[in-house]
């Protein structure tokens, strides 16, 4: 299931990048894009690209949430946060450390 969601996430990300780069630049940043003519011009193409961007963004966000939920639950049904970590405490590490000999 995680593999399928990751593939969908990758396709949505690549699609978003492509659709955003095809849109007409309105800010004139660095003078790139926004010129007259082009591959897609007209109001209908702008509306199509805007709607496609919104749909792909919704798929991307929804898929991100689904990935977080799916990967956050282990095979036995418990969350990652429910698991206890058996790491030694700092005091135990300091007690076990050998004293450093000093010259003198």
N, C-alpha and C. Protein backbone atom coordinates (compact mmCIF):
# COMPACT_ATOMS: atom_id res chain seq x y z
N UNK A 1 0.82 -1.19 0.00
CA UNK A 1 0.00 0.00 0.00
C UNK A 1 0.87 1.27 0.00
N UNK A 2 1.94 1.22 0.76
CA UNK A 2 2.83 2.37 0.83
C UNK A 2 3.48 2.65 -0.52
N UNK A 3 3.83 1.59 -1.23
CA UNK A 3 4.45 1.76 -2.54
C UNK A 3 3.51 2.44 -3.52
N UNK A 4 2.26 2.05 -3.50
CA UNK A 4 1.26 2.66 -4.39
C UNK A 4 1.10 4.14 -4.06
N UNK A 5 1.02 4.45 -2.76
CA UNK A 5 0.87 5.85 -2.36
C UNK A 5 2.11 6.67 -2.72
N UNK A 6 3.29 6.08 -2.61
CA UNK A 6 4.50 6.80 -2.99
C UNK A 6 4.56 7.08 -4.49
N UNK A 7 4.09 6.13 -5.29
CA UNK A 7 4.06 6.33 -6.75
C UNK A 7 3.06 7.44 -7.09
N UNK A 8 1.89 7.44 -6.44
CA UNK A 8 0.91 8.49 -6.67
C UNK A 8 1.48 9.84 -6.25
N UNK A 9 2.21 9.87 -5.12
CA UNK A 9 2.81 11.11 -4.64
C UNK A 9 3.83 11.64 -5.65
N UNK A 10 4.64 10.76 -6.19
CA UNK A 10 5.64 11.16 -7.18
C UNK A 10 4.98 11.71 -8.43
N UNK A 11 3.95 11.03 -8.92
CA UNK A 11 3.25 11.51 -10.12
C UNK A 11 2.57 12.84 -9.87
N UNK A 12 1.97 13.01 -8.70
CA UNK A 12 1.31 14.28 -8.38
C UNK A 12 2.33 15.41 -8.29
N UNK A 13 3.50 15.14 -7.71
CA UNK A 13 4.54 16.17 -7.60
C UNK A 13 5.07 16.57 -8.96
N UNK A 14 5.34 15.59 -9.81
CA UNK A 14 5.84 15.90 -11.16
C UNK A 14 4.76 16.64 -11.95
N UNK A 15 3.52 16.22 -11.82
CA UNK A 15 2.42 16.90 -12.50
C UNK A 15 2.26 18.33 -12.04
N UNK A 16 2.38 18.56 -10.73
CA UNK A 16 2.28 19.91 -10.20
C UNK A 16 3.38 20.81 -10.74
N UNK A 17 4.59 20.30 -10.77
CA UNK A 17 5.70 21.09 -11.30
C UNK A 17 5.45 21.44 -12.76
N UNK A 18 5.02 20.47 -13.54
CA UNK A 18 4.76 20.73 -14.95
C UNK A 18 3.65 21.73 -15.19
N UNK A 19 2.55 21.58 -14.45
CA UNK A 19 1.41 22.48 -14.64
C UNK A 19 1.75 23.89 -14.18
N UNK A 20 2.47 24.01 -13.08
CA UNK A 20 2.84 25.33 -12.59
C UNK A 20 3.80 26.03 -13.56
N UNK A 21 4.72 25.27 -14.15
CA UNK A 21 5.65 25.88 -15.10
C UNK A 21 4.97 26.28 -16.41
N UNK A 22 3.86 25.66 -16.76
CA UNK A 22 3.15 26.02 -17.99
C UNK A 22 2.28 27.26 -17.82
N UNK A 23 2.00 27.65 -16.58
CA UNK A 23 1.13 28.80 -16.37
C UNK A 23 1.85 30.09 -16.73
N UNK A 24 1.06 31.07 -17.12
CA UNK A 24 1.60 32.36 -17.52
C UNK A 24 2.04 33.13 -16.29
N UNK A 25 3.23 33.70 -16.37
CA UNK A 25 3.76 34.48 -15.27
C UNK A 25 3.11 35.86 -15.29
N UNK A 26 2.58 36.27 -14.12
CA UNK A 26 1.96 37.58 -14.04
C UNK A 26 2.84 38.59 -13.32
N UNK A 27 3.83 38.11 -12.58
CA UNK A 27 4.66 39.01 -11.80
C UNK A 27 5.82 39.59 -12.58
N UNK A 28 6.22 38.96 -13.64
CA UNK A 28 7.35 39.44 -14.42
C UNK A 28 8.67 39.26 -13.70
N UNK A 29 8.75 38.27 -12.84
CA UNK A 29 9.97 38.05 -12.09
C UNK A 29 11.11 37.67 -13.03
N UNK A 30 12.18 38.42 -12.98
CA UNK A 30 13.38 38.21 -13.80
C UNK A 30 13.10 38.30 -15.30
N UNK A 31 11.92 38.76 -15.65
CA UNK A 31 11.59 38.91 -17.06
C UNK A 31 11.40 37.61 -17.80
N UNK A 32 11.18 36.51 -17.08
CA UNK A 32 11.02 35.21 -17.71
C UNK A 32 9.53 34.93 -17.87
N UNK A 33 9.15 34.44 -19.01
CA UNK A 33 7.77 34.03 -19.23
C UNK A 33 6.83 35.21 -19.34
N UNK A 34 5.58 34.87 -19.56
CA UNK A 34 4.56 35.90 -19.63
C UNK A 34 4.55 36.67 -20.93
N UNK A 35 5.30 36.25 -21.90
CA UNK A 35 5.34 36.94 -23.18
C UNK A 35 4.07 36.68 -23.98
N UNK A 36 3.89 37.43 -25.05
CA UNK A 36 2.70 37.24 -25.87
C UNK A 36 2.83 35.94 -26.65
N UNK A 37 1.69 35.38 -26.97
CA UNK A 37 1.68 34.10 -27.70
C UNK A 37 1.97 32.96 -26.77
N UNK A 38 2.63 31.95 -27.27
CA UNK A 38 2.97 30.83 -26.43
C UNK A 38 2.18 29.60 -26.82
N UNK A 39 2.47 28.51 -26.12
CA UNK A 39 1.81 27.26 -26.44
C UNK A 39 0.32 27.31 -26.11
N UNK A 40 0.00 27.82 -24.93
CA UNK A 40 -1.40 27.91 -24.52
C UNK A 40 -1.70 29.37 -24.24
N UNK A 41 -2.68 29.91 -24.91
CA UNK A 41 -3.06 31.29 -24.63
C UNK A 41 -4.57 31.36 -24.56
N UNK A 42 -5.04 32.39 -23.95
CA UNK A 42 -6.47 32.56 -23.83
C UNK A 42 -6.97 32.24 -22.44
N UNK A 43 -8.16 32.66 -22.19
CA UNK A 43 -8.76 32.53 -20.86
C UNK A 43 -9.10 31.08 -20.54
N UNK A 44 -9.54 30.31 -21.52
CA UNK A 44 -9.91 28.92 -21.27
C UNK A 44 -8.73 28.07 -20.83
N UNK A 45 -7.58 28.30 -21.42
CA UNK A 45 -6.39 27.55 -21.04
C UNK A 45 -5.95 27.92 -19.63
N UNK A 46 -6.08 29.19 -19.27
CA UNK A 46 -5.72 29.62 -17.92
C UNK A 46 -6.63 28.98 -16.89
N UNK A 47 -7.92 28.92 -17.19
CA UNK A 47 -8.85 28.28 -16.26
C UNK A 47 -8.56 26.79 -16.13
N UNK A 48 -8.24 26.14 -17.22
CA UNK A 48 -7.92 24.71 -17.20
C UNK A 48 -6.67 24.45 -16.37
N UNK A 49 -5.64 25.27 -16.56
CA UNK A 49 -4.41 25.09 -15.80
C UNK A 49 -4.63 25.38 -14.31
N UNK A 50 -5.45 26.37 -14.01
CA UNK A 50 -5.74 26.68 -12.61
C UNK A 50 -6.49 25.55 -11.94
N UNK A 51 -7.48 25.02 -12.62
CA UNK A 51 -8.24 23.90 -12.05
C UNK A 51 -7.37 22.65 -11.92
N UNK A 52 -6.53 22.40 -12.91
CA UNK A 52 -5.64 21.25 -12.84
C UNK A 52 -4.66 21.40 -11.68
N UNK A 53 -4.17 22.61 -11.45
CA UNK A 53 -3.28 22.86 -10.32
C UNK A 53 -3.99 22.60 -9.00
N UNK A 54 -5.23 23.05 -8.89
CA UNK A 54 -5.98 22.84 -7.65
C UNK A 54 -6.24 21.36 -7.40
N UNK A 55 -6.58 20.63 -8.45
CA UNK A 55 -6.85 19.20 -8.29
C UNK A 55 -5.58 18.45 -7.90
N UNK A 56 -4.48 18.73 -8.59
CA UNK A 56 -3.21 18.07 -8.27
C UNK A 56 -2.72 18.44 -6.87
N UNK A 57 -2.94 19.68 -6.45
CA UNK A 57 -2.56 20.08 -5.10
C UNK A 57 -3.39 19.34 -4.06
N UNK A 58 -4.68 19.17 -4.32
CA UNK A 58 -5.56 18.44 -3.40
C UNK A 58 -5.14 16.97 -3.32
N UNK A 59 -4.79 16.38 -4.46
CA UNK A 59 -4.31 14.99 -4.47
C UNK A 59 -3.00 14.88 -3.70
N UNK A 60 -2.11 15.84 -3.89
CA UNK A 60 -0.81 15.83 -3.21
C UNK A 60 -0.99 15.92 -1.70
N UNK A 61 -1.83 16.83 -1.23
CA UNK A 61 -2.03 17.01 0.21
C UNK A 61 -2.75 15.81 0.80
N UNK A 62 -3.79 15.33 0.13
CA UNK A 62 -4.51 14.16 0.62
C UNK A 62 -3.63 12.92 0.67
N UNK A 63 -2.81 12.77 -0.34
CA UNK A 63 -1.90 11.63 -0.38
C UNK A 63 -0.82 11.74 0.69
N UNK A 64 -0.38 12.96 0.99
CA UNK A 64 0.60 13.15 2.07
C UNK A 64 0.02 12.73 3.41
N UNK A 65 -1.23 13.09 3.64
CA UNK A 65 -1.89 12.69 4.89
C UNK A 65 -2.06 11.18 4.94
N UNK A 66 -2.47 10.59 3.82
CA UNK A 66 -2.63 9.12 3.78
C UNK A 66 -1.31 8.41 4.02
N UNK A 67 -0.23 8.92 3.45
CA UNK A 67 1.09 8.33 3.68
C UNK A 67 1.49 8.42 5.14
N UNK A 68 1.20 9.54 5.77
CA UNK A 68 1.53 9.70 7.19
C UNK A 68 0.75 8.73 8.05
N UNK A 69 -0.51 8.51 7.72
CA UNK A 69 -1.33 7.59 8.49
C UNK A 69 -0.89 6.15 8.27
N UNK A 70 -0.64 5.78 7.02
CA UNK A 70 -0.28 4.40 6.71
C UNK A 70 1.09 4.04 7.29
N UNK A 71 2.05 4.92 7.16
CA UNK A 71 3.38 4.60 7.67
C UNK A 71 3.48 4.81 9.17
N UNK A 72 2.55 5.52 9.77
CA UNK A 72 2.59 5.75 11.20
C UNK A 72 2.08 4.59 12.03
N UNK A 73 1.42 3.65 11.41
CA UNK A 73 0.87 2.49 12.12
C UNK A 73 1.68 1.26 11.71
N UNK A 74 2.15 0.51 12.71
CA UNK A 74 2.94 -0.68 12.42
C UNK A 74 2.03 -1.87 12.11
N UNK A 75 2.63 -3.01 11.85
CA UNK A 75 1.87 -4.20 11.45
C UNK A 75 0.95 -4.71 12.56
N UNK A 76 1.34 -4.52 13.82
CA UNK A 76 0.49 -5.00 14.90
C UNK A 76 -0.59 -4.01 15.30
N UNK A 77 -0.70 -2.89 14.58
CA UNK A 77 -1.78 -1.95 14.80
C UNK A 77 -1.48 -0.85 15.79
N UNK A 78 -0.26 -0.79 16.28
CA UNK A 78 0.08 0.27 17.21
C UNK A 78 0.80 1.39 16.48
N UNK A 79 0.72 2.55 17.03
CA UNK A 79 1.37 3.71 16.45
C UNK A 79 2.85 3.72 16.82
N UNK A 80 3.62 4.47 16.08
CA UNK A 80 5.04 4.61 16.37
C UNK A 80 5.23 5.30 17.72
N UNK A 81 4.32 6.19 18.07
CA UNK A 81 4.42 6.91 19.33
C UNK A 81 4.12 6.02 20.53
N UNK A 82 3.41 4.90 20.32
CA UNK A 82 3.10 3.99 21.41
C UNK A 82 4.26 3.10 21.80
N UNK A 83 5.25 2.99 20.95
CA UNK A 83 6.39 2.12 21.23
C UNK A 83 7.33 2.79 22.21
N UNK A 84 7.87 1.97 23.14
CA UNK A 84 8.82 2.50 24.11
C UNK A 84 10.23 2.29 23.61
N UNK A 85 11.05 3.26 23.91
CA UNK A 85 12.45 3.18 23.50
C UNK A 85 13.25 2.74 24.71
N UNK A 86 14.09 1.71 24.55
CA UNK A 86 14.91 1.19 25.64
C UNK A 86 16.31 1.78 25.57
N UNK A 87 16.38 3.09 25.54
CA UNK A 87 17.68 3.76 25.49
C UNK A 87 18.16 4.01 26.91
N UNK A 88 19.46 3.89 27.16
CA UNK A 88 19.97 4.14 28.51
C UNK A 88 19.89 5.62 28.87
N UNK A 89 19.67 5.89 30.13
CA UNK A 89 19.63 7.26 30.59
C UNK A 89 21.03 7.86 30.62
N UNK A 90 21.10 9.16 30.64
CA UNK A 90 22.40 9.84 30.62
C UNK A 90 23.19 9.50 31.88
N UNK A 91 22.50 9.42 33.05
CA UNK A 91 23.20 9.10 34.29
C UNK A 91 23.85 7.72 34.21
N UNK A 92 23.15 6.76 33.60
CA UNK A 92 23.71 5.42 33.48
C UNK A 92 24.94 5.41 32.59
N UNK A 93 24.94 6.20 31.56
CA UNK A 93 26.09 6.26 30.65
C UNK A 93 27.28 6.87 31.39
N UNK A 94 27.03 7.93 32.16
CA UNK A 94 28.12 8.58 32.87
C UNK A 94 28.69 7.68 33.96
N UNK A 95 27.86 6.87 34.63
CA UNK A 95 28.34 5.96 35.67
C UNK A 95 29.19 4.84 35.08
N UNK A 96 28.82 4.37 33.89
CA UNK A 96 29.54 3.27 33.26
C UNK A 96 30.86 3.70 32.63
N UNK A 97 31.02 4.99 32.41
CA UNK A 97 32.23 5.47 31.73
C UNK A 97 33.42 5.37 32.69
N UNK A 98 34.53 4.97 32.14
CA UNK A 98 35.76 4.85 32.95
C UNK A 98 36.34 6.22 33.18
N UNK A 99 36.90 6.47 34.35
CA UNK A 99 37.50 7.79 34.60
C UNK A 99 38.73 7.99 33.71
N UNK A 100 38.92 9.21 33.32
CA UNK A 100 40.03 9.56 32.45
C UNK A 100 41.24 9.86 33.33
N UNK A 101 42.37 9.17 33.11
CA UNK A 101 43.56 9.43 33.94
C UNK A 101 44.13 10.80 33.63
N UNK A 102 44.57 11.47 34.68
CA UNK A 102 45.17 12.79 34.49
C UNK A 102 46.64 12.74 34.81
N UNK A 103 47.41 13.54 34.15
CA UNK A 103 48.85 13.63 34.42
C UNK A 103 49.06 14.57 35.62
N UNK A 104 49.80 14.09 36.56
CA UNK A 104 50.03 15.05 37.53
C UNK A 104 50.40 14.70 38.84
